[in-house]
mmCIF file of all heavy atoms, coordinates in Angstrom:
data_MODEL
# 
_entry.id   MODEL 
# 
loop_
_atom_site.group_PDB 
_atom_site.id 
_atom_site.type_symbol 
_atom_site.label_atom_id 
_atom_site.label_alt_id 
_atom_site.label_comp_id 
_atom_site.label_asym_id 
_atom_site.label_entity_id 
_atom_site.label_seq_id 
_atom_site.pdbx_PDB_ins_code 
_atom_site.Cartn_x 
_atom_site.Cartn_y 
_atom_site.Cartn_z 
_atom_site.occupancy 
_atom_site.B_iso_or_equiv 
_atom_site.pdbx_formal_charge 
_atom_site.auth_seq_id 
_atom_site.auth_comp_id 
_atom_site.auth_asym_id 
_atom_site.auth_atom_id 
_atom_site.pdbx_PDB_model_num 
ATOM 1   N N   . PHE A 1 1  ? 37.173 10.419 -4.974  1.00 0.00 ? 1  PHE A N   1 
ATOM 2   C CA  . PHE A 1 1  ? 38.196 10.028 -4.009  1.00 0.00 ? 1  PHE A CA  1 
ATOM 3   C C   . PHE A 1 1  ? 38.361 11.083 -2.923  1.00 0.00 ? 1  PHE A C   1 
ATOM 4   O O   . PHE A 1 1  ? 38.494 10.763 -1.737  1.00 0.00 ? 1  PHE A O   1 
ATOM 5   C CB  . PHE A 1 1  ? 39.538 9.798  -4.714  1.00 0.00 ? 1  PHE A CB  1 
ATOM 6   C CG  . PHE A 1 1  ? 39.748 8.387  -5.159  1.00 0.00 ? 1  PHE A CG  1 
ATOM 7   C CD1 . PHE A 1 1  ? 39.833 8.081  -6.501  1.00 0.00 ? 1  PHE A CD1 1 
ATOM 8   C CD2 . PHE A 1 1  ? 39.868 7.360  -4.247  1.00 0.00 ? 1  PHE A CD2 1 
ATOM 9   C CE1 . PHE A 1 1  ? 40.020 6.783  -6.922  1.00 0.00 ? 1  PHE A CE1 1 
ATOM 10  C CE2 . PHE A 1 1  ? 40.058 6.049  -4.653  1.00 0.00 ? 1  PHE A CE2 1 
ATOM 11  C CZ  . PHE A 1 1  ? 40.133 5.766  -5.996  1.00 0.00 ? 1  PHE A CZ  1 
ATOM 12  N N   . THR A 1 2  ? 38.350 12.348 -3.318  1.00 0.00 ? 2  THR A N   1 
ATOM 13  C CA  . THR A 1 2  ? 38.517 13.412 -2.336  1.00 0.00 ? 2  THR A CA  1 
ATOM 14  C C   . THR A 1 2  ? 37.309 13.481 -1.402  1.00 0.00 ? 2  THR A C   1 
ATOM 15  O O   . THR A 1 2  ? 37.464 13.702 -0.200  1.00 0.00 ? 2  THR A O   1 
ATOM 16  C CB  . THR A 1 2  ? 38.705 14.755 -3.050  1.00 0.00 ? 2  THR A CB  1 
ATOM 17  O OG1 . THR A 1 2  ? 39.711 14.597 -4.048  1.00 0.00 ? 2  THR A OG1 1 
ATOM 18  C CG2 . THR A 1 2  ? 39.147 15.828 -2.091  1.00 0.00 ? 2  THR A CG2 1 
ATOM 19  N N   . ALA A 1 3  ? 36.111 13.274 -1.941  1.00 0.00 ? 3  ALA A N   1 
ATOM 20  C CA  . ALA A 1 3  ? 34.919 13.261 -1.086  1.00 0.00 ? 3  ALA A CA  1 
ATOM 21  C C   . ALA A 1 3  ? 34.965 12.103 -0.096  1.00 0.00 ? 3  ALA A C   1 
ATOM 22  O O   . ALA A 1 3  ? 34.553 12.251 1.065   1.00 0.00 ? 3  ALA A O   1 
ATOM 23  C CB  . ALA A 1 3  ? 33.659 13.180 -1.943  1.00 0.00 ? 3  ALA A CB  1 
ATOM 24  N N   . SER A 1 4  ? 35.488 10.954 -0.532  1.00 0.00 ? 4  SER A N   1 
ATOM 25  C CA  . SER A 1 4  ? 35.610 9.834  0.407   1.00 0.00 ? 4  SER A CA  1 
ATOM 26  C C   . SER A 1 4  ? 36.632 10.136 1.487   1.00 0.00 ? 4  SER A C   1 
ATOM 27  O O   . SER A 1 4  ? 36.468 9.712  2.641   1.00 0.00 ? 4  SER A O   1 
ATOM 28  C CB  . SER A 1 4  ? 35.976 8.552  -0.342  1.00 0.00 ? 4  SER A CB  1 
ATOM 29  O OG  . SER A 1 4  ? 37.292 8.640  -0.846  1.00 0.00 ? 4  SER A OG  1 
ATOM 30  N N   . ALA A 1 5  ? 37.691 10.897 1.152   1.00 0.00 ? 5  ALA A N   1 
ATOM 31  C CA  . ALA A 1 5  ? 38.649 11.305 2.186   1.00 0.00 ? 5  ALA A CA  1 
ATOM 32  C C   . ALA A 1 5  ? 37.985 12.233 3.206   1.00 0.00 ? 5  ALA A C   1 
ATOM 33  O O   . ALA A 1 5  ? 38.251 12.141 4.416   1.00 0.00 ? 5  ALA A O   1 
ATOM 34  C CB  . ALA A 1 5  ? 39.846 11.989 1.543   1.00 0.00 ? 5  ALA A CB  1 
ATOM 35  N N   . ILE A 1 6  ? 37.109 13.096 2.754   1.00 0.00 ? 6  ILE A N   1 
ATOM 36  C CA  . ILE A 1 6  ? 36.384 13.972 3.675   1.00 0.00 ? 6  ILE A CA  1 
ATOM 37  C C   . ILE A 1 6  ? 35.439 13.154 4.550   1.00 0.00 ? 6  ILE A C   1 
ATOM 38  O O   . ILE A 1 6  ? 35.286 13.418 5.747   1.00 0.00 ? 6  ILE A O   1 
ATOM 39  C CB  . ILE A 1 6  ? 35.641 15.076 2.900   1.00 0.00 ? 6  ILE A CB  1 
ATOM 40  C CG1 . ILE A 1 6  ? 36.667 16.016 2.252   1.00 0.00 ? 6  ILE A CG1 1 
ATOM 41  C CG2 . ILE A 1 6  ? 34.712 15.869 3.805   1.00 0.00 ? 6  ILE A CG2 1 
ATOM 42  C CD1 . ILE A 1 6  ? 36.069 17.074 1.375   1.00 0.00 ? 6  ILE A CD1 1 
ATOM 43  N N   . TRP A 1 7  ? 34.817 12.125 3.983   1.00 0.00 ? 7  TRP A N   1 
ATOM 44  C CA  . TRP A 1 7  ? 33.995 11.234 4.802   1.00 0.00 ? 7  TRP A CA  1 
ATOM 45  C C   . TRP A 1 7  ? 34.833 10.561 5.875   1.00 0.00 ? 7  TRP A C   1 
ATOM 46  O O   . TRP A 1 7  ? 34.373 10.360 7.010   1.00 0.00 ? 7  TRP A O   1 
ATOM 47  C CB  . TRP A 1 7  ? 33.323 10.172 3.937   1.00 0.00 ? 7  TRP A CB  1 
ATOM 48  C CG  . TRP A 1 7  ? 32.088 10.624 3.223   1.00 0.00 ? 7  TRP A CG  1 
ATOM 49  C CD1 . TRP A 1 7  ? 31.927 10.747 1.880   1.00 0.00 ? 7  TRP A CD1 1 
ATOM 50  C CD2 . TRP A 1 7  ? 30.848 11.011 3.801   1.00 0.00 ? 7  TRP A CD2 1 
ATOM 51  N NE1 . TRP A 1 7  ? 30.663 11.192 1.582   1.00 0.00 ? 7  TRP A NE1 1 
ATOM 52  C CE2 . TRP A 1 7  ? 29.978 11.364 2.756   1.00 0.00 ? 7  TRP A CE2 1 
ATOM 53  C CE3 . TRP A 1 7  ? 30.387 11.103 5.112   1.00 0.00 ? 7  TRP A CE3 1 
ATOM 54  C CZ2 . TRP A 1 7  ? 28.685 11.784 2.963   1.00 0.00 ? 7  TRP A CZ2 1 
ATOM 55  C CZ3 . TRP A 1 7  ? 29.087 11.527 5.328   1.00 0.00 ? 7  TRP A CZ3 1 
ATOM 56  C CH2 . TRP A 1 7  ? 28.260 11.866 4.260   1.00 0.00 ? 7  TRP A CH2 1 
ATOM 57  N N   . LEU A 1 8  ? 36.055 10.180 5.536   1.00 0.00 ? 8  LEU A N   1 
ATOM 58  C CA  . LEU A 1 8  ? 36.938 9.571  6.534   1.00 0.00 ? 8  LEU A CA  1 
ATOM 59  C C   . LEU A 1 8  ? 37.262 10.556 7.651   1.00 0.00 ? 8  LEU A C   1 
ATOM 60  O O   . LEU A 1 8  ? 37.376 10.165 8.822   1.00 0.00 ? 8  LEU A O   1 
ATOM 61  C CB  . LEU A 1 8  ? 38.229 9.082  5.879   1.00 0.00 ? 8  LEU A CB  1 
ATOM 62  C CG  . LEU A 1 8  ? 38.144 7.778  5.112   1.00 0.00 ? 8  LEU A CG  1 
ATOM 63  C CD1 . LEU A 1 8  ? 39.459 7.490  4.410   1.00 0.00 ? 8  LEU A CD1 1 
ATOM 64  C CD2 . LEU A 1 8  ? 37.789 6.639  6.047   1.00 0.00 ? 8  LEU A CD2 1 
ATOM 65  N N   . LEU A 1 9  ? 37.450 11.824 7.292   1.00 0.00 ? 9  LEU A N   1 
ATOM 66  C CA  . LEU A 1 9  ? 37.694 12.830 8.333   1.00 0.00 ? 9  LEU A CA  1 
ATOM 67  C C   . LEU A 1 9  ? 36.503 12.953 9.281   1.00 0.00 ? 9  LEU A C   1 
ATOM 68  O O   . LEU A 1 9  ? 36.678 13.263 10.465  1.00 0.00 ? 9  LEU A O   1 
ATOM 69  C CB  . LEU A 1 9  ? 37.974 14.198 7.692   1.00 0.00 ? 9  LEU A CB  1 
ATOM 70  C CG  . LEU A 1 9  ? 39.365 14.397 7.113   1.00 0.00 ? 9  LEU A CG  1 
ATOM 71  C CD1 . LEU A 1 9  ? 39.452 15.761 6.444   1.00 0.00 ? 9  LEU A CD1 1 
ATOM 72  C CD2 . LEU A 1 9  ? 40.417 14.283 8.194   1.00 0.00 ? 9  LEU A CD2 1 
ATOM 73  N N   . LEU A 1 10 ? 35.300 12.718 8.753   1.00 0.00 ? 10 LEU A N   1 
ATOM 74  C CA  . LEU A 1 10 ? 34.098 12.781 9.585   1.00 0.00 ? 10 LEU A CA  1 
ATOM 75  C C   . LEU A 1 10 ? 33.833 11.471 10.327  1.00 0.00 ? 10 LEU A C   1 
ATOM 76  O O   . LEU A 1 10 ? 32.782 11.312 10.945  1.00 0.00 ? 10 LEU A O   1 
ATOM 77  C CB  . LEU A 1 10 ? 32.882 13.130 8.715   1.00 0.00 ? 10 LEU A CB  1 
ATOM 78  C CG  . LEU A 1 10 ? 32.903 14.515 8.083   1.00 0.00 ? 10 LEU A CG  1 
ATOM 79  C CD1 . LEU A 1 10 ? 31.754 14.675 7.119   1.00 0.00 ? 10 LEU A CD1 1 
ATOM 80  C CD2 . LEU A 1 10 ? 32.830 15.570 9.170   1.00 0.00 ? 10 LEU A CD2 1 
ATOM 81  N N   . ARG A 1 11 ? 34.781 10.525 10.216  1.00 0.00 ? 11 ARG A N   1 
ATOM 82  C CA  . ARG A 1 11 ? 34.703 9.214  10.871  1.00 0.00 ? 11 ARG A CA  1 
ATOM 83  C C   . ARG A 1 11 ? 33.499 8.396  10.383  1.00 0.00 ? 11 ARG A C   1 
ATOM 84  O O   . ARG A 1 11 ? 32.873 7.674  11.157  1.00 0.00 ? 11 ARG A O   1 
ATOM 85  C CB  . ARG A 1 11 ? 34.664 9.375  12.389  1.00 0.00 ? 11 ARG A CB  1 
ATOM 86  C CG  . ARG A 1 11 ? 35.964 9.900  12.951  1.00 0.00 ? 11 ARG A CG  1 
ATOM 87  C CD  . ARG A 1 11 ? 35.846 10.273 14.406  1.00 0.00 ? 11 ARG A CD  1 
ATOM 88  N NE  . ARG A 1 11 ? 37.116 10.790 14.909  1.00 0.00 ? 11 ARG A NE  1 
ATOM 89  C CZ  . ARG A 1 11 ? 37.549 12.032 14.719  1.00 0.00 ? 11 ARG A CZ  1 
ATOM 90  N NH1 . ARG A 1 11 ? 36.834 12.868 13.993  1.00 0.00 ? 11 ARG A NH1 1 
ATOM 91  N NH2 . ARG A 1 11 ? 38.698 12.434 15.214  1.00 0.00 ? 11 ARG A NH2 1 
ATOM 92  N N   . ALA A 1 12 ? 33.185 8.545  9.120   1.00 0.00 ? 12 ALA A N   1 
ATOM 93  C CA  . ALA A 1 12 ? 32.145 7.732  8.482   1.00 0.00 ? 12 ALA A CA  1 
ATOM 94  C C   . ALA A 1 12 ? 32.833 6.801  7.497   1.00 0.00 ? 12 ALA A C   1 
ATOM 95  O O   . ALA A 1 12 ? 32.800 6.988  6.283   1.00 0.00 ? 12 ALA A O   1 
ATOM 96  C CB  . ALA A 1 12 ? 31.121 8.620  7.793   1.00 0.00 ? 12 ALA A CB  1 
ATOM 97  N N   . GLU A 1 13 ? 33.493 5.784  8.049   1.00 0.00 ? 13 GLU A N   1 
ATOM 98  C CA  . GLU A 1 13 ? 34.330 4.901  7.225   1.00 0.00 ? 13 GLU A CA  1 
ATOM 99  C C   . GLU A 1 13 ? 33.519 4.113  6.213   1.00 0.00 ? 13 GLU A C   1 
ATOM 100 O O   . GLU A 1 13 ? 33.959 3.891  5.086   1.00 0.00 ? 13 GLU A O   1 
ATOM 101 C CB  . GLU A 1 13 ? 35.118 3.932  8.124   1.00 0.00 ? 13 GLU A CB  1 
ATOM 102 C CG  . GLU A 1 13 ? 36.077 4.604  9.074   1.00 0.00 ? 13 GLU A CG  1 
ATOM 103 C CD  . GLU A 1 13 ? 35.414 5.028  10.380  1.00 0.00 ? 13 GLU A CD  1 
ATOM 104 O OE1 . GLU A 1 13 ? 34.235 4.679  10.583  1.00 0.00 ? 13 GLU A OE1 1 
ATOM 105 O OE2 . GLU A 1 13 ? 36.080 5.713  11.171  1.00 0.00 ? 13 GLU A OE2 1 
ATOM 106 N N   . PHE A 1 14 ? 32.333 3.675  6.617   1.00 0.00 ? 14 PHE A N   1 
ATOM 107 C CA  . PHE A 1 14 ? 31.514 2.880  5.700   1.00 0.00 ? 14 PHE A CA  1 
ATOM 108 C C   . PHE A 1 14 ? 31.103 3.690  4.470   1.00 0.00 ? 14 PHE A C   1 
ATOM 109 O O   . PHE A 1 14 ? 31.165 3.198  3.345   1.00 0.00 ? 14 PHE A O   1 
ATOM 110 C CB  . PHE A 1 14 ? 30.275 2.355  6.434   1.00 0.00 ? 14 PHE A CB  1 
ATOM 111 C CG  . PHE A 1 14 ? 29.338 1.585  5.555   1.00 0.00 ? 14 PHE A CG  1 
ATOM 112 C CD1 . PHE A 1 14 ? 29.660 0.310  5.144   1.00 0.00 ? 14 PHE A CD1 1 
ATOM 113 C CD2 . PHE A 1 14 ? 28.145 2.142  5.126   1.00 0.00 ? 14 PHE A CD2 1 
ATOM 114 C CE1 . PHE A 1 14 ? 28.800 -0.405 4.322   1.00 0.00 ? 14 PHE A CE1 1 
ATOM 115 C CE2 . PHE A 1 14 ? 27.288 1.441  4.310   1.00 0.00 ? 14 PHE A CE2 1 
ATOM 116 C CZ  . PHE A 1 14 ? 27.617 0.165  3.906   1.00 0.00 ? 14 PHE A CZ  1 
ATOM 117 N N   . LEU A 1 15 ? 30.692 4.940  4.681   1.00 0.00 ? 15 LEU A N   1 
ATOM 118 C CA  . LEU A 1 15 ? 30.306 5.780  3.550   1.00 0.00 ? 15 LEU A CA  1 
ATOM 119 C C   . LEU A 1 15 ? 31.505 6.060  2.650   1.00 0.00 ? 15 LEU A C   1 
ATOM 120 O O   . LEU A 1 15 ? 31.371 6.120  1.420   1.00 0.00 ? 15 LEU A O   1 
ATOM 121 C CB  . LEU A 1 15 ? 29.701 7.087  4.049   1.00 0.00 ? 15 LEU A CB  1 
ATOM 122 C CG  . LEU A 1 15 ? 28.322 6.970  4.692   1.00 0.00 ? 15 LEU A CG  1 
ATOM 123 C CD1 . LEU A 1 15 ? 27.875 8.316  5.222   1.00 0.00 ? 15 LEU A CD1 1 
ATOM 124 C CD2 . LEU A 1 15 ? 27.317 6.430  3.703   1.00 0.00 ? 15 LEU A CD2 1 
ATOM 125 N N   . ALA A 1 16 ? 32.692 6.235  3.245   1.00 0.00 ? 16 ALA A N   1 
ATOM 126 C CA  . ALA A 1 16 ? 33.884 6.504  2.442   1.00 0.00 ? 16 ALA A CA  1 
ATOM 127 C C   . ALA A 1 16 ? 34.225 5.326  1.546   1.00 0.00 ? 16 ALA A C   1 
ATOM 128 O O   . ALA A 1 16 ? 34.461 5.491  0.347   1.00 0.00 ? 16 ALA A O   1 
ATOM 129 C CB  . ALA A 1 16 ? 35.054 6.841  3.360   1.00 0.00 ? 16 ALA A CB  1 
ATOM 130 N N   . ILE A 1 17 ? 34.243 4.120  2.098   1.00 0.00 ? 17 ILE A N   1 
ATOM 131 C CA  . ILE A 1 17 ? 34.599 2.951  1.280   1.00 0.00 ? 17 ILE A CA  1 
ATOM 132 C C   . ILE A 1 17 ? 33.495 2.632  0.284   1.00 0.00 ? 17 ILE A C   1 
ATOM 133 O O   . ILE A 1 17 ? 33.752 2.165  -0.831  1.00 0.00 ? 17 ILE A O   1 
ATOM 134 C CB  . ILE A 1 17 ? 34.937 1.728  2.177   1.00 0.00 ? 17 ILE A CB  1 
ATOM 135 C CG1 . ILE A 1 17 ? 35.676 0.663  1.369   1.00 0.00 ? 17 ILE A CG1 1 
ATOM 136 C CG2 . ILE A 1 17 ? 33.707 1.145  2.805   1.00 0.00 ? 17 ILE A CG2 1 
ATOM 137 C CD1 . ILE A 1 17 ? 37.030 1.076  0.901   1.00 0.00 ? 17 ILE A CD1 1 
ATOM 138 N N   . THR A 1 18 ? 32.226 2.914  0.643   1.00 0.00 ? 18 THR A N   1 
ATOM 139 C CA  . THR A 1 18 ? 31.130 2.714  -0.305  1.00 0.00 ? 18 THR A CA  1 
ATOM 140 C C   . THR A 1 18 ? 31.251 3.670  -1.483  1.00 0.00 ? 18 THR A C   1 
ATOM 141 O O   . THR A 1 18 ? 31.015 3.286  -2.628  1.00 0.00 ? 18 THR A O   1 
ATOM 142 C CB  . THR A 1 18 ? 29.779 2.907  0.403   1.00 0.00 ? 18 THR A CB  1 
ATOM 143 O OG1 . THR A 1 18 ? 29.702 2.001  1.490   1.00 0.00 ? 18 THR A OG1 1 
ATOM 144 C CG2 . THR A 1 18 ? 28.631 2.661  -0.546  1.00 0.00 ? 18 THR A CG2 1 
ATOM 145 N N   . LEU A 1 19 ? 31.628 4.914  -1.202  1.00 0.00 ? 19 LEU A N   1 
ATOM 146 C CA  . LEU A 1 19 ? 31.797 5.889  -2.278  1.00 0.00 ? 19 LEU A CA  1 
ATOM 147 C C   . LEU A 1 19 ? 32.886 5.439  -3.249  1.00 0.00 ? 19 LEU A C   1 
ATOM 148 O O   . LEU A 1 19 ? 32.738 5.552  -4.468  1.00 0.00 ? 19 LEU A O   1 
ATOM 149 C CB  . LEU A 1 19 ? 32.141 7.252  -1.680  1.00 0.00 ? 19 LEU A CB  1 
ATOM 150 C CG  . LEU A 1 19 ? 32.166 8.438  -2.624  1.00 0.00 ? 19 LEU A CG  1 
ATOM 151 C CD1 . LEU A 1 19 ? 30.790 8.682  -3.197  1.00 0.00 ? 19 LEU A CD1 1 
ATOM 152 C CD2 . LEU A 1 19 ? 32.656 9.675  -1.907  1.00 0.00 ? 19 LEU A CD2 1 
ATOM 153 N N   . VAL A 1 20 ? 33.977 4.897  -2.710  1.00 0.00 ? 20 VAL A N   1 
ATOM 154 C CA  . VAL A 1 20 ? 35.063 4.439  -3.580  1.00 0.00 ? 20 VAL A CA  1 
ATOM 155 C C   . VAL A 1 20 ? 34.652 3.200  -4.356  1.00 0.00 ? 20 VAL A C   1 
ATOM 156 O O   . VAL A 1 20 ? 34.830 3.120  -5.578  1.00 0.00 ? 20 VAL A O   1 
ATOM 157 C CB  . VAL A 1 20 ? 36.341 4.182  -2.752  1.00 0.00 ? 20 VAL A CB  1 
ATOM 158 C CG1 . VAL A 1 20 ? 37.399 3.494  -3.595  1.00 0.00 ? 20 VAL A CG1 1 
ATOM 159 C CG2 . VAL A 1 20 ? 36.881 5.479  -2.201  1.00 0.00 ? 20 VAL A CG2 1 
ATOM 160 N N   . LEU A 1 21 ? 34.068 2.217  -3.664  1.00 0.00 ? 21 LEU A N   1 
ATOM 161 C CA  . LEU A 1 21 ? 33.744 0.954  -4.333  1.00 0.00 ? 21 LEU A CA  1 
ATOM 162 C C   . LEU A 1 21 ? 32.617 1.102  -5.344  1.00 0.00 ? 21 LEU A C   1 
ATOM 163 O O   . LEU A 1 21 ? 32.710 0.598  -6.465  1.00 0.00 ? 21 LEU A O   1 
ATOM 164 C CB  . LEU A 1 21 ? 33.365 -0.102 -3.289  1.00 0.00 ? 21 LEU A CB  1 
ATOM 165 C CG  . LEU A 1 21 ? 34.496 -0.625 -2.422  1.00 0.00 ? 21 LEU A CG  1 
ATOM 166 C CD1 . LEU A 1 21 ? 33.972 -1.630 -1.421  1.00 0.00 ? 21 LEU A CD1 1 
ATOM 167 C CD2 . LEU A 1 21 ? 35.581 -1.257 -3.267  1.00 0.00 ? 21 LEU A CD2 1 
ATOM 168 N N   . VAL A 1 22 ? 31.542 1.789  -4.946  1.00 0.00 ? 22 VAL A N   1 
ATOM 169 C CA  . VAL A 1 22 ? 30.373 1.854  -5.820  1.00 0.00 ? 22 VAL A CA  1 
ATOM 170 C C   . VAL A 1 22 ? 30.587 2.852  -6.949  1.00 0.00 ? 22 VAL A C   1 
ATOM 171 O O   . VAL A 1 22 ? 30.446 2.523  -8.128  1.00 0.00 ? 22 VAL A O   1 
ATOM 172 C CB  . VAL A 1 22 ? 29.109 2.199  -5.005  1.00 0.00 ? 22 VAL A CB  1 
ATOM 173 C CG1 . VAL A 1 22 ? 27.932 2.431  -5.930  1.00 0.00 ? 22 VAL A CG1 1 
ATOM 174 C CG2 . VAL A 1 22 ? 28.805 1.089  -4.030  1.00 0.00 ? 22 VAL A CG2 1 
ATOM 175 N N   . TYR A 1 23 ? 30.954 4.086  -6.606  1.00 0.00 ? 23 TYR A N   1 
ATOM 176 C CA  . TYR A 1 23 ? 31.025 5.120  -7.633  1.00 0.00 ? 23 TYR A CA  1 
ATOM 177 C C   . TYR A 1 23 ? 32.287 5.015  -8.473  1.00 0.00 ? 23 TYR A C   1 
ATOM 178 O O   . TYR A 1 23 ? 32.222 5.044  -9.700  1.00 0.00 ? 23 TYR A O   1 
ATOM 179 C CB  . TYR A 1 23 ? 30.911 6.507  -6.997  1.00 0.00 ? 23 TYR A CB  1 
ATOM 180 C CG  . TYR A 1 23 ? 29.505 6.836  -6.619  1.00 0.00 ? 23 TYR A CG  1 
ATOM 181 C CD1 . TYR A 1 23 ? 29.064 6.673  -5.317  1.00 0.00 ? 23 TYR A CD1 1 
ATOM 182 C CD2 . TYR A 1 23 ? 28.604 7.277  -7.570  1.00 0.00 ? 23 TYR A CD2 1 
ATOM 183 C CE1 . TYR A 1 23 ? 27.758 6.956  -4.972  1.00 0.00 ? 23 TYR A CE1 1 
ATOM 184 C CE2 . TYR A 1 23 ? 27.288 7.556  -7.232  1.00 0.00 ? 23 TYR A CE2 1 
ATOM 185 C CZ  . TYR A 1 23 ? 26.884 7.398  -5.929  1.00 0.00 ? 23 TYR A CZ  1 
ATOM 186 O OH  . TYR A 1 23 ? 25.602 7.671  -5.599  1.00 0.00 ? 23 TYR A OH  1 
ATOM 187 N N   . VAL A 1 24 ? 33.438 4.887  -7.833  1.00 0.00 ? 24 VAL A N   1 
ATOM 188 C CA  . VAL A 1 24 ? 34.680 4.806  -8.615  1.00 0.00 ? 24 VAL A CA  1 
ATOM 189 C C   . VAL A 1 24 ? 34.812 3.438  -9.250  1.00 0.00 ? 24 VAL A C   1 
ATOM 190 O O   . VAL A 1 24 ? 35.173 3.312  -10.423 1.00 0.00 ? 24 VAL A O   1 
ATOM 191 C CB  . VAL A 1 24 ? 35.892 5.128  -7.721  1.00 0.00 ? 24 VAL A CB  1 
ATOM 192 C CG1 . VAL A 1 24 ? 37.184 4.967  -8.491  1.00 0.00 ? 24 VAL A CG1 1 
ATOM 193 C CG2 . VAL A 1 24 ? 35.783 6.537  -7.169  1.00 0.00 ? 24 VAL A CG2 1 
ATOM 194 N N   . GLY A 1 25 ? 34.486 2.389  -8.496  1.00 0.00 ? 25 GLY A N   1 
ATOM 195 C CA  . GLY A 1 25 ? 34.694 1.048  -9.015  1.00 0.00 ? 25 GLY A CA  1 
ATOM 196 C C   . GLY A 1 25 ? 33.689 0.597  -10.034 1.00 0.00 ? 25 GLY A C   1 
ATOM 197 O O   . GLY A 1 25 ? 34.002 -0.195 -10.912 1.00 0.00 ? 25 GLY A O   1 
ATOM 198 N N   . ALA A 1 26 ? 32.460 1.083  -9.958  1.00 0.00 ? 26 ALA A N   1 
ATOM 199 C CA  . ALA A 1 26 ? 31.424 0.582  -10.862 1.00 0.00 ? 26 ALA A CA  1 
ATOM 200 C C   . ALA A 1 26 ? 30.860 1.665  -11.761 1.00 0.00 ? 26 ALA A C   1 
ATOM 201 O O   . ALA A 1 26 ? 30.911 1.550  -12.993 1.00 0.00 ? 26 ALA A O   1 
ATOM 202 C CB  . ALA A 1 26 ? 30.299 -0.046 -10.032 1.00 0.00 ? 26 ALA A CB  1 
# 
C-alpha cells in the first residue's frame, strides 16, 4: 500500500492501482 502511494506521488496512477489490485487483492 505504501509503495502504491509513492507511485501516486510520481503520477503513475495505473501502476499504483495495479499494485493494490494485483498484489494486495490477489
